[in-house]
Amino acid sequence: MSGSKGYNGHKNWNHWNVSLWINNDEGLYRVAQELVRDSENKQVAAASLLAHLNDNGVHTTPDGAPYSVSSIRAAMVGM
């Protein structure tokens, strides 16, 4: 692997997969964008999105990657 990012430009498979789902599922993407816009920073936005997902019984992507504040925060880099 070359560069500092190890999996398709991401830290690892989990971060890549979470980013894939957040950035390609329209509903999830809109919620993430709204949280980024309305929160004091992306760390807070990521924690809020994780709480929202968990409150709705969602703990992993459809591919089985666990959502975490770290993986969600990484998915929000370009937002």
PDB file of N, CA and C in Angstrom:
ATOM      1  N   MET A   1       0.831  -1.178   0.000  1.00  0.00           N
ATOM      2  CA  MET A   1       0.000   0.000   0.000  1.00  0.00           C
ATOM      3  C   MET A   1       0.872   1.237   0.000  1.00  0.00           C
ATOM      4  N   SER A   2       0.484   2.198  -0.770  1.00  0.00           N
ATOM      5  CA  SER A   2       1.263   3.427  -0.815  1.00  0.00           C
ATOM      6  C   SER A   2       0.510   4.546  -0.125  1.00  0.00           C
ATOM      7  N   GLY A   3       1.241   5.524   0.373  1.00  0.00           N
ATOM      8  CA  GLY A   3       0.630   6.670   1.031  1.00  0.00           C
ATOM      9  C   GLY A   3       0.201   6.341   2.441  1.00  0.00           C
ATOM     10  N   SER A   4      -0.375   7.333   3.111  1.00  0.00           N
ATOM     11  CA  SER A   4      -0.760   7.161   4.498  1.00  0.00           C
ATOM     12  C   SER A   4      -2.154   6.565   4.646  1.00  0.00           C
ATOM     13  N   LYS A   5      -2.928   6.578   3.595  1.00  0.00           N
ATOM     14  CA  LYS A   5      -4.275   6.016   3.660  1.00  0.00           C
ATOM     15  C   LYS A   5      -4.230   4.608   3.095  1.00  0.00           C
ATOM     16  N   GLY A   6      -4.718   3.622   3.853  1.00  0.00           N
ATOM     17  CA  GLY A   6      -4.518   2.242   3.489  1.00  0.00           C
ATOM     18  C   GLY A   6      -5.602   1.545   2.706  1.00  0.00           C
ATOM     19  N   TYR A   7      -6.818   2.047   2.663  1.00  0.00           N
ATOM     20  CA  TYR A   7      -7.883   1.312   1.993  1.00  0.00           C
ATOM     21  C   TYR A   7      -8.710   2.268   1.141  1.00  0.00           C
ATOM     22  N   ASN A   8      -8.480   2.252  -0.154  1.00  0.00           N
ATOM     23  CA  ASN A   8      -9.210   3.133  -1.080  1.00  0.00           C
ATOM     24  C   ASN A   8      -9.237   4.578  -0.591  1.00  0.00           C
ATOM     25  N   GLY A   9      -8.110   5.038  -0.070  1.00  0.00           N
ATOM     26  CA  GLY A   9      -8.012   6.413   0.410  1.00  0.00           C
ATOM     27  C   GLY A   9      -8.474   6.610   1.843  1.00  0.00           C
ATOM     28  N   HIS A  10      -8.818   5.531   2.516  1.00  0.00           N
ATOM     29  CA  HIS A  10      -9.301   5.607   3.899  1.00  0.00           C
ATOM     30  C   HIS A  10      -8.380   4.822   4.822  1.00  0.00           C
ATOM     31  N   LYS A  11      -8.515   5.068   6.109  1.00  0.00           N
ATOM     32  CA  LYS A  11      -7.689   4.426   7.122  1.00  0.00           C
ATOM     33  C   LYS A  11      -7.776   2.898   7.058  1.00  0.00           C
ATOM     34  N   ASN A  12      -8.979   2.382   6.843  1.00  0.00           N
ATOM     35  CA  ASN A  12      -9.190   0.942   6.817  1.00  0.00           C
ATOM     36  C   ASN A  12     -10.521   0.623   6.133  1.00  0.00           C
ATOM     37  N   TRP A  13     -10.824  -0.669   6.006  1.00  0.00           N
ATOM     38  CA  TRP A  13     -12.061  -1.080   5.340  1.00  0.00           C
ATOM     39  C   TRP A  13     -13.283  -0.512   6.039  1.00  0.00           C
ATOM     40  N   ASN A  14     -13.301  -0.532   7.346  1.00  0.00           N
ATOM     41  CA  ASN A  14     -14.454  -0.035   8.101  1.00  0.00           C
ATOM     42  C   ASN A  14     -14.732   1.427   7.775  1.00  0.00           C
ATOM     43  N   HIS A  15     -13.711   2.275   7.834  1.00  0.00           N
ATOM     44  CA  HIS A  15     -13.896   3.696   7.526  1.00  0.00           C
ATOM     45  C   HIS A  15     -14.365   3.884   6.087  1.00  0.00           C
ATOM     46  N   TRP A  16     -13.782   3.116   5.170  1.00  0.00           N
ATOM     47  CA  TRP A  16     -14.184   3.197   3.767  1.00  0.00           C
ATOM     48  C   TRP A  16     -15.646   2.808   3.593  1.00  0.00           C
ATOM     49  N   ASN A  17     -16.065   1.710   4.220  1.00  0.00           N
ATOM     50  CA  ASN A  17     -17.422   1.213   4.037  1.00  0.00           C
ATOM     51  C   ASN A  17     -18.447   2.165   4.646  1.00  0.00           C
ATOM     52  N   VAL A  18     -18.166   2.688   5.834  1.00  0.00           N
ATOM     53  CA  VAL A  18     -19.070   3.664   6.453  1.00  0.00           C
ATOM     54  C   VAL A  18     -19.177   4.903   5.565  1.00  0.00           C
ATOM     55  N   SER A  19     -18.059   5.376   5.053  1.00  0.00           N
ATOM     56  CA  SER A  19     -18.067   6.536   4.158  1.00  0.00           C
ATOM     57  C   SER A  19     -18.862   6.240   2.894  1.00  0.00           C
ATOM     58  N   LEU A  20     -18.692   5.060   2.356  1.00  0.00           N
ATOM     59  CA  LEU A  20     -19.426   4.652   1.162  1.00  0.00           C
ATOM     60  C   LEU A  20     -20.931   4.766   1.395  1.00  0.00           C
ATOM     61  N   TRP A  21     -21.409   4.254   2.510  1.00  0.00           N
ATOM     62  CA  TRP A  21     -22.846   4.282   2.791  1.00  0.00           C
ATOM     63  C   TRP A  21     -23.337   5.693   3.105  1.00  0.00           C
ATOM     64  N   ILE A  22     -22.618   6.429   3.930  1.00  0.00           N
ATOM     65  CA  ILE A  22     -23.080   7.779   4.289  1.00  0.00           C
ATOM     66  C   ILE A  22     -23.100   8.689   3.068  1.00  0.00           C
ATOM     67  N   ASN A  23     -22.118   8.557   2.226  1.00  0.00           N
ATOM     68  CA  ASN A  23     -22.026   9.466   1.077  1.00  0.00           C
ATOM     69  C   ASN A  23     -22.822   9.008  -0.147  1.00  0.00           C
ATOM     70  N   ASN A  24     -23.417   7.818  -0.106  1.00  0.00           N
ATOM     71  CA  ASN A  24     -24.165   7.327  -1.255  1.00  0.00           C
ATOM     72  C   ASN A  24     -25.621   6.975  -0.963  1.00  0.00           C
ATOM     73  N   ASP A  25     -26.024   7.026   0.289  1.00  0.00           N
ATOM     74  CA  ASP A  25     -27.428   6.837   0.647  1.00  0.00           C
ATOM     75  C   ASP A  25     -28.013   8.238   0.832  1.00  0.00           C
ATOM     76  N   GLU A  26     -28.937   8.620  -0.035  1.00  0.00           N
ATOM     77  CA  GLU A  26     -29.414  10.011  -0.046  1.00  0.00           C
ATOM     78  C   GLU A  26     -29.960  10.470   1.303  1.00  0.00           C
ATOM     79  N   GLY A  27     -30.765   9.656   1.951  1.00  0.00           N
ATOM     80  CA  GLY A  27     -31.338  10.042   3.238  1.00  0.00           C
ATOM     81  C   GLY A  27     -30.278  10.216   4.307  1.00  0.00           C
ATOM     82  N   LEU A  28     -29.376   9.278   4.376  1.00  0.00           N
ATOM     83  CA  LEU A  28     -28.294   9.328   5.363  1.00  0.00           C
ATOM     84  C   LEU A  28     -27.375  10.516   5.089  1.00  0.00           C
ATOM     85  N   TYR A  29     -27.096  10.750   3.817  1.00  0.00           N
ATOM     86  CA  TYR A  29     -26.243  11.876   3.431  1.00  0.00           C
ATOM     87  C   TYR A  29     -26.878  13.209   3.843  1.00  0.00           C
ATOM     88  N   ARG A  30     -28.174  13.344   3.619  1.00  0.00           N
ATOM     89  CA  ARG A  30     -28.859  14.595   3.987  1.00  0.00           C
ATOM     90  C   ARG A  30     -28.845  14.825   5.490  1.00  0.00           C
ATOM     91  N   VAL A  31     -29.064  13.759   6.260  1.00  0.00           N
ATOM     92  CA  VAL A  31     -29.005  13.884   7.716  1.00  0.00           C
ATOM     93  C   VAL A  31     -27.598  14.288   8.142  1.00  0.00           C
ATOM     94  N   ALA A  32     -26.585  13.653   7.565  1.00  0.00           N
ATOM     95  CA  ALA A  32     -25.194  13.973   7.900  1.00  0.00           C
ATOM     96  C   ALA A  32     -24.883  15.430   7.559  1.00  0.00           C
ATOM     97  N   GLN A  33     -25.296  15.882   6.382  1.00  0.00           N
ATOM     98  CA  GLN A  33     -25.043  17.277   5.987  1.00  0.00           C
ATOM     99  C   GLN A  33     -25.726  18.256   6.943  1.00  0.00           C
ATOM    100  N   GLU A  34     -26.956  17.954   7.317  1.00  0.00           N
ATOM    101  CA  GLU A  34     -27.691  18.821   8.243  1.00  0.00           C
ATOM    102  C   GLU A  34     -26.985  18.899   9.593  1.00  0.00           C
ATOM    103  N   LEU A  35     -26.522  17.761  10.076  1.00  0.00           N
ATOM    104  CA  LEU A  35     -25.816  17.746  11.356  1.00  0.00           C
ATOM    105  C   LEU A  35     -24.499  18.515  11.281  1.00  0.00           C
ATOM    106  N   VAL A  36     -23.772  18.372  10.176  1.00  0.00           N
ATOM    107  CA  VAL A  36     -22.523  19.126  10.006  1.00  0.00           C
ATOM    108  C   VAL A  36     -22.826  20.623  10.015  1.00  0.00           C
ATOM    109  N   ARG A  37     -23.873  21.010   9.316  1.00  0.00           N
ATOM    110  CA  ARG A  37     -24.239  22.426   9.228  1.00  0.00           C
ATOM    111  C   ARG A  37     -24.664  22.985  10.590  1.00  0.00           C
ATOM    112  N   ASP A  38     -25.413  22.193  11.356  1.00  0.00           N
ATOM    113  CA  ASP A  38     -26.018  22.698  12.588  1.00  0.00           C
ATOM    114  C   ASP A  38     -25.201  22.444  13.855  1.00  0.00           C
ATOM    115  N   SER A  39     -24.136  21.674  13.762  1.00  0.00           N
ATOM    116  CA  SER A  39     -23.330  21.347  14.944  1.00  0.00           C
ATOM    117  C   SER A  39     -22.124  22.271  15.043  1.00  0.00           C
ATOM    118  N   GLU A  40     -21.555  22.358  16.238  1.00  0.00           N
ATOM    119  CA  GLU A  40     -20.396  23.241  16.440  1.00  0.00           C
ATOM    120  C   GLU A  40     -19.148  22.740  15.730  1.00  0.00           C
ATOM    121  N   ASN A  41     -19.062  21.419  15.508  1.00  0.00           N
ATOM    122  CA  ASN A  41     -17.944  20.862  14.742  1.00  0.00           C
ATOM    123  C   ASN A  41     -18.309  19.458  14.265  1.00  0.00           C
ATOM    124  N   LYS A  42     -17.450  18.877  13.452  1.00  0.00           N
ATOM    125  CA  LYS A  42     -17.757  17.565  12.868  1.00  0.00           C
ATOM    126  C   LYS A  42     -17.709  16.438  13.885  1.00  0.00           C
ATOM    127  N   GLN A  43     -16.939  16.590  14.936  1.00  0.00           N
ATOM    128  CA  GLN A  43     -16.912  15.572  15.994  1.00  0.00           C
ATOM    129  C   GLN A  43     -18.293  15.478  16.646  1.00  0.00           C
ATOM    130  N   VAL A  44     -18.887  16.619  16.946  1.00  0.00           N
ATOM    131  CA  VAL A  44     -20.222  16.662  17.542  1.00  0.00           C
ATOM    132  C   VAL A  44     -21.249  16.127  16.538  1.00  0.00           C
ATOM    133  N   ALA A  45     -21.111  16.512  15.279  1.00  0.00           N
ATOM    134  CA  ALA A  45     -22.018  16.035  14.233  1.00  0.00           C
ATOM    135  C   ALA A  45     -21.943  14.516  14.115  1.00  0.00           C
ATOM    136  N   ALA A  46     -20.737  13.964  14.156  1.00  0.00           N
ATOM    137  CA  ALA A  46     -20.562  12.513  14.044  1.00  0.00           C
ATOM    138  C   ALA A  46     -21.192  11.792  15.233  1.00  0.00           C
ATOM    139  N   ALA A  47     -21.006  12.325  16.429  1.00  0.00           N
ATOM    140  CA  ALA A  47     -21.615  11.720  17.624  1.00  0.00           C
ATOM    141  C   ALA A  47     -23.138  11.778  17.532  1.00  0.00           C
ATOM    142  N   SER A  48     -23.658  12.862  17.010  1.00  0.00           N
ATOM    143  CA  SER A  48     -25.112  13.003  16.850  1.00  0.00           C
ATOM    144  C   SER A  48     -25.649  12.015  15.823  1.00  0.00           C
ATOM    145  N   LEU A  49     -24.920  11.831  14.724  1.00  0.00           N
ATOM    146  CA  LEU A  49     -25.369  10.878  13.711  1.00  0.00           C
ATOM    147  C   LEU A  49     -25.319   9.457  14.261  1.00  0.00           C
ATOM    148  N   LEU A  50     -24.288   9.132  15.013  1.00  0.00           N
ATOM    149  CA  LEU A  50     -24.198   7.805  15.621  1.00  0.00           C
ATOM    150  C   LEU A  50     -25.376   7.575  16.562  1.00  0.00           C
ATOM    151  N   ALA A  51     -25.704   8.571  17.385  1.00  0.00           N
ATOM    152  CA  ALA A  51     -26.845   8.454  18.300  1.00  0.00           C
ATOM    153  C   ALA A  51     -28.145   8.271  17.516  1.00  0.00           C
ATOM    154  N   HIS A  52     -28.299   9.026  16.432  1.00  0.00           N
ATOM    155  CA  HIS A  52     -29.488   8.917  15.579  1.00  0.00           C
ATOM    156  C   HIS A  52     -29.605   7.500  15.005  1.00  0.00           C
ATOM    157  N   LEU A  53     -28.511   6.984  14.487  1.00  0.00           N
ATOM    158  CA  LEU A  53     -28.519   5.631  13.930  1.00  0.00           C
ATOM    159  C   LEU A  53     -28.858   4.603  15.005  1.00  0.00           C
ATOM    160  N   ASN A  54     -28.177   4.696  16.150  1.00  0.00           N
ATOM    161  CA  ASN A  54     -28.402   3.736  17.230  1.00  0.00           C
ATOM    162  C   ASN A  54     -29.822   3.807  17.767  1.00  0.00           C
ATOM    163  N   ASP A  55     -30.376   5.026  17.856  1.00  0.00           N
ATOM    164  CA  ASP A  55     -31.762   5.192  18.319  1.00  0.00           C
ATOM    165  C   ASP A  55     -32.744   4.501  17.385  1.00  0.00           C
ATOM    166  N   ASN A  56     -32.351   4.354  16.126  1.00  0.00           N
ATOM    167  CA  ASN A  56     -33.192   3.686  15.131  1.00  0.00           C
ATOM    168  C   ASN A  56     -32.804   2.217  14.925  1.00  0.00           C
ATOM    169  N   GLY A  57     -32.002   1.691  15.847  1.00  0.00           N
ATOM    170  CA  GLY A  57     -31.625   0.286  15.800  1.00  0.00           C
ATOM    171  C   GLY A  57     -30.578  -0.062  14.763  1.00  0.00           C
ATOM    172  N   VAL A  58     -29.890   0.937  14.227  1.00  0.00           N
ATOM    173  CA  VAL A  58     -28.866   0.710  13.213  1.00  0.00           C
ATOM    174  C   VAL A  58     -27.495   0.824  13.860  1.00  0.00           C
ATOM    175  N   HIS A  59     -26.725  -0.247  13.781  1.00  0.00           N
ATOM    176  CA  HIS A  59     -25.397  -0.265  14.399  1.00  0.00           C
ATOM    177  C   HIS A  59     -24.290  -0.560  13.390  1.00  0.00           C
ATOM    178  N   THR A  60     -24.683  -1.091  12.239  1.00  0.00           N
ATOM    179  CA  THR A  60     -23.713  -1.411  11.194  1.00  0.00           C
ATOM    180  C   THR A  60     -24.274  -1.008   9.835  1.00  0.00           C
ATOM    181  N   THR A  61     -23.371  -0.881   8.870  1.00  0.00           N
ATOM    182  CA  THR A  61     -23.806  -0.672   7.489  1.00  0.00           C
ATOM    183  C   THR A  61     -24.438  -1.973   6.994  1.00  0.00           C
ATOM    184  N   PRO A  62     -25.145  -1.933   5.878  1.00  0.00           N
ATOM    185  CA  PRO A  62     -25.674  -3.185   5.327  1.00  0.00           C
ATOM    186  C   PRO A  62     -24.585  -4.221   5.014  1.00  0.00           C
ATOM    187  N   ASP A  63     -23.340  -3.773   4.893  1.00  0.00           N
ATOM    188  CA  ASP A  63     -22.218  -4.684   4.652  1.00  0.00           C
ATOM    189  C   ASP A  63     -21.594  -5.206   5.942  1.00  0.00           C
ATOM    190  N   GLY A  64     -22.073  -4.728   7.098  1.00  0.00           N
ATOM    191  CA  GLY A  64     -21.578  -5.215   8.375  1.00  0.00           C
ATOM    192  C   GLY A  64     -20.498  -4.380   9.029  1.00  0.00           C
ATOM    193  N   ALA A  65     -20.158  -3.233   8.462  1.00  0.00           N
ATOM    194  CA  ALA A  65     -19.149  -2.363   9.081  1.00  0.00           C
ATOM    195  C   ALA A  65     -19.808  -1.600  10.239  1.00  0.00           C
ATOM    196  N   PRO A  66     -19.244  -1.670  11.435  1.00  0.00           N
ATOM    197  CA  PRO A  66     -19.853  -0.967  12.556  1.00  0.00           C
ATOM    198  C   PRO A  66     -19.699   0.547  12.435  1.00  0.00           C
ATOM    199  N   TYR A  67     -20.790   1.245  12.705  1.00  0.00           N
ATOM    200  CA  TYR A  67     -20.727   2.701  12.769  1.00  0.00           C
ATOM    201  C   TYR A  67     -20.062   3.090  14.084  1.00  0.00           C
ATOM    202  N   SER A  68     -19.181   4.072  14.032  1.00  0.00           N
ATOM    203  CA  SER A  68     -18.541   4.620  15.231  1.00  0.00           C
ATOM    204  C   SER A  68     -18.353   6.111  14.991  1.00  0.00           C
ATOM    205  N   VAL A  69     -18.096   6.849  16.043  1.00  0.00           N
ATOM    206  CA  VAL A  69     -17.854   8.284  15.881  1.00  0.00           C
ATOM    207  C   VAL A  69     -16.668   8.489  14.938  1.00  0.00           C
ATOM    208  N   SER A  70     -15.628   7.702  15.107  1.00  0.00           N
ATOM    209  CA  SER A  70     -14.428   7.830  14.279  1.00  0.00           C
ATOM    210  C   SER A  70     -14.714   7.572  12.798  1.00  0.00           C
ATOM    211  N   SER A  71     -15.442   6.508  12.492  1.00  0.00           N
ATOM    212  CA  SER A  71     -15.709   6.191  11.091  1.00  0.00           C
ATOM    213  C   SER A  71     -16.680   7.200  10.469  1.00  0.00           C
ATOM    214  N   ILE A  72     -17.649   7.660  11.241  1.00  0.00           N
ATOM    215  CA  ILE A  72     -18.586   8.657  10.731  1.00  0.00           C
ATOM    216  C   ILE A  72     -17.857   9.987  10.515  1.00  0.00           C
ATOM    217  N   ARG A  73     -17.024  10.365  11.459  1.00  0.00           N
ATOM    218  CA  ARG A  73     -16.246  11.619  11.324  1.00  0.00           C
ATOM    219  C   ARG A  73     -15.383  11.573  10.069  1.00  0.00           C
ATOM    220  N   ALA A  74     -14.780  10.431   9.804  1.00  0.00           N
ATOM    221  CA  ALA A  74     -13.957  10.298   8.601  1.00  0.00           C
ATOM    222  C   ALA A  74     -14.813  10.444   7.333  1.00  0.00           C
ATOM    223  N   ALA A  75     -16.041   9.965   7.391  1.00  0.00           N
ATOM    224  CA  ALA A  75     -16.947  10.080   6.235  1.00  0.00           C
ATOM    225  C   ALA A  75     -17.380  11.523   5.983  1.00  0.00           C
ATOM    226  N   MET A  76     -17.281  12.369   7.005  1.00  0.00           N
ATOM    227  CA  MET A  76     -17.728  13.762   6.906  1.00  0.00           C
ATOM    228  C   MET A  76     -16.646  14.725   6.437  1.00  0.00           C
ATOM    229  N   VAL A  77     -15.476  14.210   6.111  1.00  0.00           N
ATOM    230  CA  VAL A  77     -14.348  15.079   5.741  1.00  0.00           C
ATOM    231  C   VAL A  77     -14.708  16.082   4.661  1.00  0.00           C
ATOM    232  N   GLY A  78     -15.371  15.665   3.617  1.00  0.00           N
ATOM    233  CA  GLY A  78     -15.670  16.572   2.509  1.00  0.00           C
ATOM    234  C   GLY A  78     -16.946  17.384   2.668  1.00  0.00           C
ATOM    235  N   MET A  79     -17.611  17.246   3.785  1.00  0.00           N
ATOM    236  CA  MET A  79     -18.892  17.950   3.971  1.00  0.00           C
ATOM    237  C   MET A  79     -18.695  19.333   4.538  1.00  0.00           C
TER     238      MET A  79
END
